Amino acid sequence: MFQARRSSGTRREVRDGQLALLGPGDAVRFRGAPGAGRLLLLAGVRSSKPVARYGPFVMNTQQEIMQAVRDYQSGRMGEITRTAEVL
């Protein structure tokens, strides 16, 4: 169980399987519970670019989605070589 506090001061409990979207000035408090637990916390800047989705693929256009599917089906996706350049 996690608690999220919005900048307005209101609190809301976030339970298993739920998503909390926080904005500037919002806060989160984590409290351990008995047993093992997992948490995925992501942060980022909102994008104004279009979003296209298909299964596990997320791109900006349908054409990019189709290319990603072709790359995946041909085995070209996810391969990292010793000569790969990190940008």
PDB file of N, CA and C in Angstrom:
ATOM      1  N   MET A   1       0.847  -1.165   0.000  1.00  0.00           N
ATOM      2  CA  MET A   1       0.000   0.000   0.000  1.00  0.00           C
ATOM      3  C   MET A   1       0.898   1.236   0.000  1.00  0.00           C
ATOM      4  N   PHE A   2       0.547   2.193  -0.796  1.00  0.00           N
ATOM      5  CA  PHE A   2       1.274   3.450  -0.878  1.00  0.00           C
ATOM      6  C   PHE A   2       0.277   4.586  -0.715  1.00  0.00           C
ATOM      7  N   GLN A   3       0.748   5.718  -0.251  1.00  0.00           N
ATOM      8  CA  GLN A   3      -0.116   6.874  -0.162  1.00  0.00           C
ATOM      9  C   GLN A   3       0.447   7.977  -1.044  1.00  0.00           C
ATOM     10  N   ALA A   4      -0.417   8.605  -1.796  1.00  0.00           N
ATOM     11  CA  ALA A   4      -0.025   9.736  -2.636  1.00  0.00           C
ATOM     12  C   ALA A   4      -0.722  10.980  -2.103  1.00  0.00           C
ATOM     13  N   ARG A   5       0.022  12.052  -1.952  1.00  0.00           N
ATOM     14  CA  ARG A   5      -0.564  13.313  -1.488  1.00  0.00           C
ATOM     15  C   ARG A   5      -0.487  14.318  -2.624  1.00  0.00           C
ATOM     16  N   ARG A   6      -1.611  14.843  -2.993  1.00  0.00           N
ATOM     17  CA  ARG A   6      -1.662  15.821  -4.073  1.00  0.00           C
ATOM     18  C   ARG A   6      -1.342  17.205  -3.520  1.00  0.00           C
ATOM     19  N   SER A   7      -0.934  18.103  -4.393  1.00  0.00           N
ATOM     20  CA  SER A   7      -0.566  19.447  -3.960  1.00  0.00           C
ATOM     21  C   SER A   7      -1.739  20.158  -3.298  1.00  0.00           C
ATOM     22  N   SER A   8      -2.961  19.711  -3.568  1.00  0.00           N
ATOM     23  CA  SER A   8      -4.136  20.303  -2.933  1.00  0.00           C
ATOM     24  C   SER A   8      -4.260  19.856  -1.478  1.00  0.00           C
ATOM     25  N   GLY A   9      -3.426  18.871  -1.063  1.00  0.00           N
ATOM     26  CA  GLY A   9      -3.461  18.399   0.311  1.00  0.00           C
ATOM     27  C   GLY A   9      -4.261  17.121   0.499  1.00  0.00           C
ATOM     28  N   THR A  10      -5.013  16.709  -0.503  1.00  0.00           N
ATOM     29  CA  THR A  10      -5.804  15.485  -0.380  1.00  0.00           C
ATOM     30  C   THR A  10      -4.895  14.267  -0.483  1.00  0.00           C
ATOM     31  N   ARG A  11      -5.245  13.215   0.248  1.00  0.00           N
ATOM     32  CA  ARG A  11      -4.457  11.980   0.226  1.00  0.00           C
ATOM     33  C   ARG A  11      -5.279  10.878  -0.407  1.00  0.00           C
ATOM     34  N   ARG A  12      -4.581  10.002  -1.088  1.00  0.00           N
ATOM     35  CA  ARG A  12      -5.248   8.869  -1.719  1.00  0.00           C
ATOM     36  C   ARG A  12      -4.358   7.649  -1.597  1.00  0.00           C
ATOM     37  N   GLU A  13      -4.954   6.531  -1.230  1.00  0.00           N
ATOM     38  CA  GLU A  13      -4.236   5.276  -1.123  1.00  0.00           C
ATOM     39  C   GLU A  13      -4.125   4.640  -2.502  1.00  0.00           C
ATOM     40  N   VAL A  14      -2.955   4.107  -2.819  1.00  0.00           N
ATOM     41  CA  VAL A  14      -2.735   3.416  -4.088  1.00  0.00           C
ATOM     42  C   VAL A  14      -2.486   1.958  -3.751  1.00  0.00           C
ATOM     43  N   ARG A  15      -3.350   1.086  -4.239  1.00  0.00           N
ATOM     44  CA  ARG A  15      -3.278  -0.339  -3.911  1.00  0.00           C
ATOM     45  C   ARG A  15      -2.702  -1.142  -5.075  1.00  0.00           C
ATOM     46  N   ASP A  16      -2.508  -2.444  -4.857  1.00  0.00           N
ATOM     47  CA  ASP A  16      -1.981  -3.337  -5.894  1.00  0.00           C
ATOM     48  C   ASP A  16      -2.741  -3.160  -7.201  1.00  0.00           C
ATOM     49  N   GLY A  17      -1.976  -3.069  -8.301  1.00  0.00           N
ATOM     50  CA  GLY A  17      -2.577  -2.986  -9.632  1.00  0.00           C
ATOM     51  C   GLY A  17      -3.070  -1.608 -10.013  1.00  0.00           C
ATOM     52  N   GLN A  18      -2.885  -0.612  -9.167  1.00  0.00           N
ATOM     53  CA  GLN A  18      -3.350   0.735  -9.481  1.00  0.00           C
ATOM     54  C   GLN A  18      -2.190   1.620  -9.916  1.00  0.00           C
ATOM     55  N   LEU A  19      -2.519   2.687 -10.611  1.00  0.00           N
ATOM     56  CA  LEU A  19      -1.554   3.651 -11.109  1.00  0.00           C
ATOM     57  C   LEU A  19      -1.851   5.001 -10.484  1.00  0.00           C
ATOM     58  N   ALA A  20      -0.836   5.697 -10.035  1.00  0.00           N
ATOM     59  CA  ALA A  20      -0.998   7.054  -9.522  1.00  0.00           C
ATOM     60  C   ALA A  20      -0.235   7.999 -10.440  1.00  0.00           C
ATOM     61  N   LEU A  21      -0.901   9.006 -10.941  1.00  0.00           N
ATOM     62  CA  LEU A  21      -0.273  10.012 -11.788  1.00  0.00           C
ATOM     63  C   LEU A  21      -0.101  11.268 -10.946  1.00  0.00           C
ATOM     64  N   LEU A  22       1.142  11.652 -10.728  1.00  0.00           N
ATOM     65  CA  LEU A  22       1.445  12.797  -9.884  1.00  0.00           C
ATOM     66  C   LEU A  22       1.952  13.954 -10.723  1.00  0.00           C
ATOM     67  N   GLY A  23       1.767  15.140 -10.233  1.00  0.00           N
ATOM     68  CA  GLY A  23       2.222  16.331 -10.931  1.00  0.00           C
ATOM     69  C   GLY A  23       3.133  17.162 -10.042  1.00  0.00           C
ATOM     70  N   PRO A  24       3.499  18.354 -10.499  1.00  0.00           N
ATOM     71  CA  PRO A  24       4.381  19.223  -9.713  1.00  0.00           C
ATOM     72  C   PRO A  24       3.792  19.488  -8.331  1.00  0.00           C
ATOM     73  N   GLY A  25       4.625  19.322  -7.303  1.00  0.00           N
ATOM     74  CA  GLY A  25       4.186  19.582  -5.934  1.00  0.00           C
ATOM     75  C   GLY A  25       3.541  18.390  -5.254  1.00  0.00           C
ATOM     76  N   ASP A  26       3.246  17.327  -5.984  1.00  0.00           N
ATOM     77  CA  ASP A  26       2.662  16.127  -5.387  1.00  0.00           C
ATOM     78  C   ASP A  26       3.760  15.297  -4.735  1.00  0.00           C
ATOM     79  N   ALA A  27       3.376  14.451  -3.792  1.00  0.00           N
ATOM     80  CA  ALA A  27       4.352  13.639  -3.065  1.00  0.00           C
ATOM     81  C   ALA A  27       3.831  12.224  -2.896  1.00  0.00           C
ATOM     82  N   VAL A  28       4.752  11.319  -2.609  1.00  0.00           N
ATOM     83  CA  VAL A  28       4.407   9.917  -2.379  1.00  0.00           C
ATOM     84  C   VAL A  28       5.105   9.457  -1.111  1.00  0.00           C
ATOM     85  N   ARG A  29       4.410   8.676  -0.289  1.00  0.00           N
ATOM     86  CA  ARG A  29       5.016   8.101   0.908  1.00  0.00           C
ATOM     87  C   ARG A  29       4.915   6.591   0.811  1.00  0.00           C
ATOM     88  N   PHE A  30       6.040   5.905   0.984  1.00  0.00           N
ATOM     89  CA  PHE A  30       6.080   4.454   0.889  1.00  0.00           C
ATOM     90  C   PHE A  30       6.168   3.879   2.294  1.00  0.00           C
ATOM     91  N   ARG A  31       5.333   2.905   2.553  1.00  0.00           N
ATOM     92  CA  ARG A  31       5.338   2.245   3.850  1.00  0.00           C
ATOM     93  C   ARG A  31       5.433   0.752   3.612  1.00  0.00           C
ATOM     94  N   GLY A  32       6.388   0.116   4.237  1.00  0.00           N
ATOM     95  CA  GLY A  32       6.567  -1.320   4.074  1.00  0.00           C
ATOM     96  C   GLY A  32       5.419  -2.100   4.675  1.00  0.00           C
ATOM     97  N   ALA A  33       5.111  -3.212   4.052  1.00  0.00           N
ATOM     98  CA  ALA A  33       4.071  -4.109   4.549  1.00  0.00           C
ATOM     99  C   ALA A  33       4.710  -5.460   4.820  1.00  0.00           C
ATOM    100  N   PRO A  34       4.068  -6.291   5.614  1.00  0.00           N
ATOM    101  CA  PRO A  34       4.625  -7.628   5.859  1.00  0.00           C
ATOM    102  C   PRO A  34       4.800  -8.394   4.552  1.00  0.00           C
ATOM    103  N   GLY A  35       5.883  -9.118   4.426  1.00  0.00           N
ATOM    104  CA  GLY A  35       6.138  -9.892   3.206  1.00  0.00           C
ATOM    105  C   GLY A  35       6.895  -9.080   2.178  1.00  0.00           C
ATOM    106  N   ALA A  36       7.128  -9.723   1.060  1.00  0.00           N
ATOM    107  CA  ALA A  36       7.874  -9.087  -0.024  1.00  0.00           C
ATOM    108  C   ALA A  36       6.985  -8.101  -0.773  1.00  0.00           C
ATOM    109  N   GLY A  37       7.609  -7.111  -1.358  1.00  0.00           N
ATOM    110  CA  GLY A  37       6.870  -6.135  -2.146  1.00  0.00           C
ATOM    111  C   GLY A  37       7.680  -5.691  -3.351  1.00  0.00           C
ATOM    112  N   ARG A  38       6.988  -5.135  -4.343  1.00  0.00           N
ATOM    113  CA  ARG A  38       7.654  -4.608  -5.531  1.00  0.00           C
ATOM    114  C   ARG A  38       7.049  -3.255  -5.861  1.00  0.00           C
ATOM    115  N   LEU A  39       7.875  -2.397  -6.437  1.00  0.00           N
ATOM    116  CA  LEU A  39       7.429  -1.064  -6.791  1.00  0.00           C
ATOM    117  C   LEU A  39       8.118  -0.643  -8.075  1.00  0.00           C
ATOM    118  N   LEU A  40       7.367  -0.065  -8.983  1.00  0.00           N
ATOM    119  CA  LEU A  40       7.920   0.521 -10.195  1.00  0.00           C
ATOM    120  C   LEU A  40       7.581   2.002 -10.158  1.00  0.00           C
ATOM    121  N   LEU A  41       8.594   2.835 -10.044  1.00  0.00           N
ATOM    122  CA  LEU A  41       8.414   4.277  -9.976  1.00  0.00           C
ATOM    123  C   LEU A  41       9.076   4.892 -11.196  1.00  0.00           C
ATOM    124  N   LEU A  42       8.303   5.557 -12.008  1.00  0.00           N
ATOM    125  CA  LEU A  42       8.805   6.180 -13.232  1.00  0.00           C
ATOM    126  C   LEU A  42       8.596   7.679 -13.157  1.00  0.00           C
ATOM    127  N   ALA A  43       9.492   8.413 -13.764  1.00  0.00           N
ATOM    128  CA  ALA A  43       9.359   9.857 -13.837  1.00  0.00           C
ATOM    129  C   ALA A  43       9.743  10.308 -15.233  1.00  0.00           C
ATOM    130  N   GLY A  44       9.114  11.342 -15.701  1.00  0.00           N
ATOM    131  CA  GLY A  44       9.440  11.841 -17.022  1.00  0.00           C
ATOM    132  C   GLY A  44       8.714  13.136 -17.316  1.00  0.00           C
ATOM    133  N   VAL A  45       9.020  13.679 -18.463  1.00  0.00           N
ATOM    134  CA  VAL A  45       8.399  14.908 -18.923  1.00  0.00           C
ATOM    135  C   VAL A  45       7.334  14.545 -19.952  1.00  0.00           C
ATOM    136  N   ARG A  46       6.184  15.153 -19.838  1.00  0.00           N
ATOM    137  CA  ARG A  46       5.105  14.896 -20.775  1.00  0.00           C
ATOM    138  C   ARG A  46       5.539  15.273 -22.187  1.00  0.00           C
ATOM    139  N   SER A  47       5.204  14.418 -23.148  1.00  0.00           N
ATOM    140  CA  SER A  47       5.581  14.644 -24.542  1.00  0.00           C
ATOM    141  C   SER A  47       4.361  15.092 -25.341  1.00  0.00           C
ATOM    142  N   SER A  48       4.579  16.000 -26.267  1.00  0.00           N
ATOM    143  CA  SER A  48       3.488  16.455 -27.128  1.00  0.00           C
ATOM    144  C   SER A  48       3.444  15.669 -28.445  1.00  0.00           C
ATOM    145  N   LYS A  49       4.366  14.698 -28.594  1.00  0.00           N
ATOM    146  CA  LYS A  49       4.415  13.906 -29.819  1.00  0.00           C
ATOM    147  C   LYS A  49       3.272  12.893 -29.850  1.00  0.00           C
ATOM    148  N   PRO A  50       2.838  12.488 -31.045  1.00  0.00           N
ATOM    149  CA  PRO A  50       1.794  11.465 -31.129  1.00  0.00           C
ATOM    150  C   PRO A  50       2.318  10.113 -30.654  1.00  0.00           C
ATOM    151  N   VAL A  51       1.410   9.261 -30.208  1.00  0.00           N
ATOM    152  CA  VAL A  51       1.772   7.938 -29.713  1.00  0.00           C
ATOM    153  C   VAL A  51       0.959   6.896 -30.471  1.00  0.00           C
ATOM    154  N   ALA A  52       1.662   5.904 -31.035  1.00  0.00           N
ATOM    155  CA  ALA A  52       1.010   4.769 -31.701  1.00  0.00           C
ATOM    156  C   ALA A  52       1.390   3.520 -30.923  1.00  0.00           C
ATOM    157  N   ARG A  53       0.425   2.625 -30.667  1.00  0.00           N
ATOM    158  CA  ARG A  53       0.684   1.410 -29.888  1.00  0.00           C
ATOM    159  C   ARG A  53       0.135   0.195 -30.605  1.00  0.00           C
ATOM    160  N   TYR A  54       0.844  -0.909 -30.422  1.00  0.00           N
ATOM    161  CA  TYR A  54       0.371  -2.204 -30.914  1.00  0.00           C
ATOM    162  C   TYR A  54       1.068  -3.271 -30.084  1.00  0.00           C
ATOM    163  N   GLY A  55       0.325  -3.963 -29.237  1.00  0.00           N
ATOM    164  CA  GLY A  55       0.925  -4.964 -28.366  1.00  0.00           C
ATOM    165  C   GLY A  55       2.010  -4.328 -27.517  1.00  0.00           C
ATOM    166  N   PRO A  56       3.216  -4.903 -27.494  1.00  0.00           N
ATOM    167  CA  PRO A  56       4.287  -4.335 -26.669  1.00  0.00           C
ATOM    168  C   PRO A  56       5.018  -3.173 -27.341  1.00  0.00           C
ATOM    169  N   PHE A  57       4.639  -2.845 -28.572  1.00  0.00           N
ATOM    170  CA  PHE A  57       5.347  -1.812 -29.325  1.00  0.00           C
ATOM    171  C   PHE A  57       4.695  -0.452 -29.107  1.00  0.00           C
ATOM    172  N   VAL A  58       5.508   0.547 -28.824  1.00  0.00           N
ATOM    173  CA  VAL A  58       5.037   1.924 -28.672  1.00  0.00           C
ATOM    174  C   VAL A  58       5.975   2.808 -29.487  1.00  0.00           C
ATOM    175  N   MET A  59       5.423   3.502 -30.449  1.00  0.00           N
ATOM    176  CA  MET A  59       6.190   4.373 -31.334  1.00  0.00           C
ATOM    177  C   MET A  59       5.406   5.668 -31.535  1.00  0.00           C
ATOM    178  N   ASN A  60       5.847   6.487 -32.485  1.00  0.00           N
ATOM    179  CA  ASN A  60       5.145   7.735 -32.782  1.00  0.00           C
ATOM    180  C   ASN A  60       4.172   7.612 -33.945  1.00  0.00           C
ATOM    181  N   THR A  61       4.412   6.682 -34.869  1.00  0.00           N
ATOM    182  CA  THR A  61       3.532   6.541 -36.036  1.00  0.00           C
ATOM    183  C   THR A  61       3.220   5.065 -36.290  1.00  0.00           C
ATOM    184  N   GLN A  62       2.166   4.805 -37.031  1.00  0.00           N
ATOM    185  CA  GLN A  62       1.821   3.435 -37.411  1.00  0.00           C
ATOM    186  C   GLN A  62       2.908   2.840 -38.300  1.00  0.00           C
ATOM    187  N   GLN A  63       3.531   3.660 -39.133  1.00  0.00           N
ATOM    188  CA  GLN A  63       4.615   3.171 -39.986  1.00  0.00           C
ATOM    189  C   GLN A  63       5.780   2.664 -39.133  1.00  0.00           C
ATOM    190  N   GLU A  64       6.111   3.379 -38.066  1.00  0.00           N
ATOM    191  CA  GLU A  64       7.175   2.935 -37.162  1.00  0.00           C
ATOM    192  C   GLU A  64       6.787   1.635 -36.459  1.00  0.00           C
ATOM    193  N   ILE A  65       5.519   1.498 -36.118  1.00  0.00           N
ATOM    194  CA  ILE A  65       5.035   0.252 -35.505  1.00  0.00           C
ATOM    195  C   ILE A  65       5.219  -0.906 -36.478  1.00  0.00           C
ATOM    196  N   MET A  66       4.801  -0.713 -37.717  1.00  0.00           N
ATOM    197  CA  MET A  66       4.915  -1.777 -38.720  1.00  0.00           C
ATOM    198  C   MET A  66       6.378  -2.169 -38.937  1.00  0.00           C
ATOM    199  N   GLN A  67       7.286  -1.191 -38.952  1.00  0.00           N
ATOM    200  CA  GLN A  67       8.704  -1.487 -39.108  1.00  0.00           C
ATOM    201  C   GLN A  67       9.235  -2.247 -37.897  1.00  0.00           C
ATOM    202  N   ALA A  68       8.812  -1.855 -36.698  1.00  0.00           N
ATOM    203  CA  ALA A  68       9.245  -2.548 -35.483  1.00  0.00           C
ATOM    204  C   ALA A  68       8.778  -4.001 -35.486  1.00  0.00           C
ATOM    205  N   VAL A  69       7.548  -4.251 -35.936  1.00  0.00           N
ATOM    206  CA  VAL A  69       7.035  -5.626 -36.013  1.00  0.00           C
ATOM    207  C   VAL A  69       7.855  -6.429 -37.018  1.00  0.00           C
ATOM    208  N   ARG A  70       8.145  -5.824 -38.188  1.00  0.00           N
ATOM    209  CA  ARG A  70       8.974  -6.523 -39.180  1.00  0.00           C
ATOM    210  C   ARG A  70      10.359  -6.822 -38.621  1.00  0.00           C
ATOM    211  N   ASP A  71      10.957  -5.850 -37.929  1.00  0.00           N
ATOM    212  CA  ASP A  71      12.277  -6.056 -37.320  1.00  0.00           C
ATOM    213  C   ASP A  71      12.228  -7.191 -36.303  1.00  0.00           C
ATOM    214  N   TYR A  72      11.192  -7.203 -35.483  1.00  0.00           N
ATOM    215  CA  TYR A  72      11.053  -8.254 -34.472  1.00  0.00           C
ATOM    216  C   TYR A  72      10.908  -9.624 -35.127  1.00  0.00           C
ATOM    217  N   GLN A  73      10.046  -9.708 -36.137  1.00  0.00           N
ATOM    218  CA  GLN A  73       9.799 -10.989 -36.805  1.00  0.00           C
ATOM    219  C   GLN A  73      11.037 -11.507 -37.530  1.00  0.00           C
ATOM    220  N   SER A  74      11.891 -10.599 -37.993  1.00  0.00           N
ATOM    221  CA  SER A  74      13.093 -11.022 -38.722  1.00  0.00           C
ATOM    222  C   SER A  74      14.281 -11.263 -37.785  1.00  0.00           C
ATOM    223  N   GLY A  75      14.104 -11.015 -36.488  1.00  0.00           N
ATOM    224  CA  GLY A  75      15.181 -11.244 -35.530  1.00  0.00           C
ATOM    225  C   GLY A  75      16.148 -10.088 -35.389  1.00  0.00           C
ATOM    226  N   ARG A  76      15.850  -8.936 -35.992  1.00  0.00           N
ATOM    227  CA  ARG A  76      16.772  -7.794 -35.923  1.00  0.00           C
ATOM    228  C   ARG A  76      16.562  -6.933 -34.685  1.00  0.00           C
ATOM    229  N   MET A  77      15.523  -7.182 -33.931  1.00  0.00           N
ATOM    230  CA  MET A  77      15.240  -6.322 -32.787  1.00  0.00           C
ATOM    231  C   MET A  77      15.839  -6.913 -31.515  1.00  0.00           C
ATOM    232  N   GLY A  78      16.434  -6.081 -30.706  1.00  0.00           N
ATOM    233  CA  GLY A  78      16.943  -6.518 -29.416  1.00  0.00           C
ATOM    234  C   GLY A  78      18.345  -7.085 -29.439  1.00  0.00           C
ATOM    235  N   GLU A  79      19.026  -6.999 -30.577  1.00  0.00           N
ATOM    236  CA  GLU A  79      20.380  -7.521 -30.662  1.00  0.00           C
ATOM    237  C   GLU A  79      21.372  -6.422 -30.329  1.00  0.00           C
ATOM    238  N   ILE A  80      22.243  -6.690 -29.366  1.00  0.00           N
ATOM    239  CA  ILE A  80      23.288  -5.743 -29.000  1.00  0.00           C
ATOM    240  C   ILE A  80      24.623  -6.397 -29.318  1.00  0.00           C
ATOM    241  N   THR A  81      25.426  -5.715 -30.097  1.00  0.00           N
ATOM    242  CA  THR A  81      26.722  -6.261 -30.486  1.00  0.00           C
ATOM    243  C   THR A  81      27.838  -5.491 -29.799  1.00  0.00           C
ATOM    244  N   ARG A  82      29.048  -6.015 -29.887  1.00  0.00           N
ATOM    245  CA  ARG A  82      30.202  -5.344 -29.273  1.00  0.00           C
ATOM    246  C   ARG A  82      30.463  -3.998 -29.942  1.00  0.00           C
ATOM    247  N   THR A  83      30.036  -3.829 -31.172  1.00  0.00           N
ATOM    248  CA  THR A  83      30.302  -2.588 -31.884  1.00  0.00           C
ATOM    249  C   THR A  83      29.145  -1.596 -31.748  1.00  0.00           C
ATOM    250  N   ALA A  84      28.145  -1.936 -30.952  1.00  0.00           N
ATOM    251  CA  ALA A  84      27.000  -1.021 -30.796  1.00  0.00           C
ATOM    252  C   ALA A  84      27.478   0.284 -30.188  1.00  0.00           C
ATOM    253  N   GLU A  85      26.961   1.372 -30.723  1.00  0.00           N
ATOM    254  CA  GLU A  85      27.355   2.696 -30.255  1.00  0.00           C
ATOM    255  C   GLU A  85      26.280   3.231 -29.328  1.00  0.00           C
ATOM    256  N   VAL A  86      26.666   3.711 -28.166  1.00  0.00           N
ATOM    257  CA  VAL A  86      25.737   4.309 -27.233  1.00  0.00           C
ATOM    258  C   VAL A  86      25.676   5.789 -27.524  1.00  0.00           C
ATOM    259  N   LEU A  87      24.467   6.271 -27.768  1.00  0.00           N
ATOM    260  CA  LEU A  87      24.297   7.691 -28.089  1.00  0.00           C
ATOM    261  C   LEU A  87      23.908   8.483 -26.878  1.00  0.00           C
TER     262      LEU A  87
END
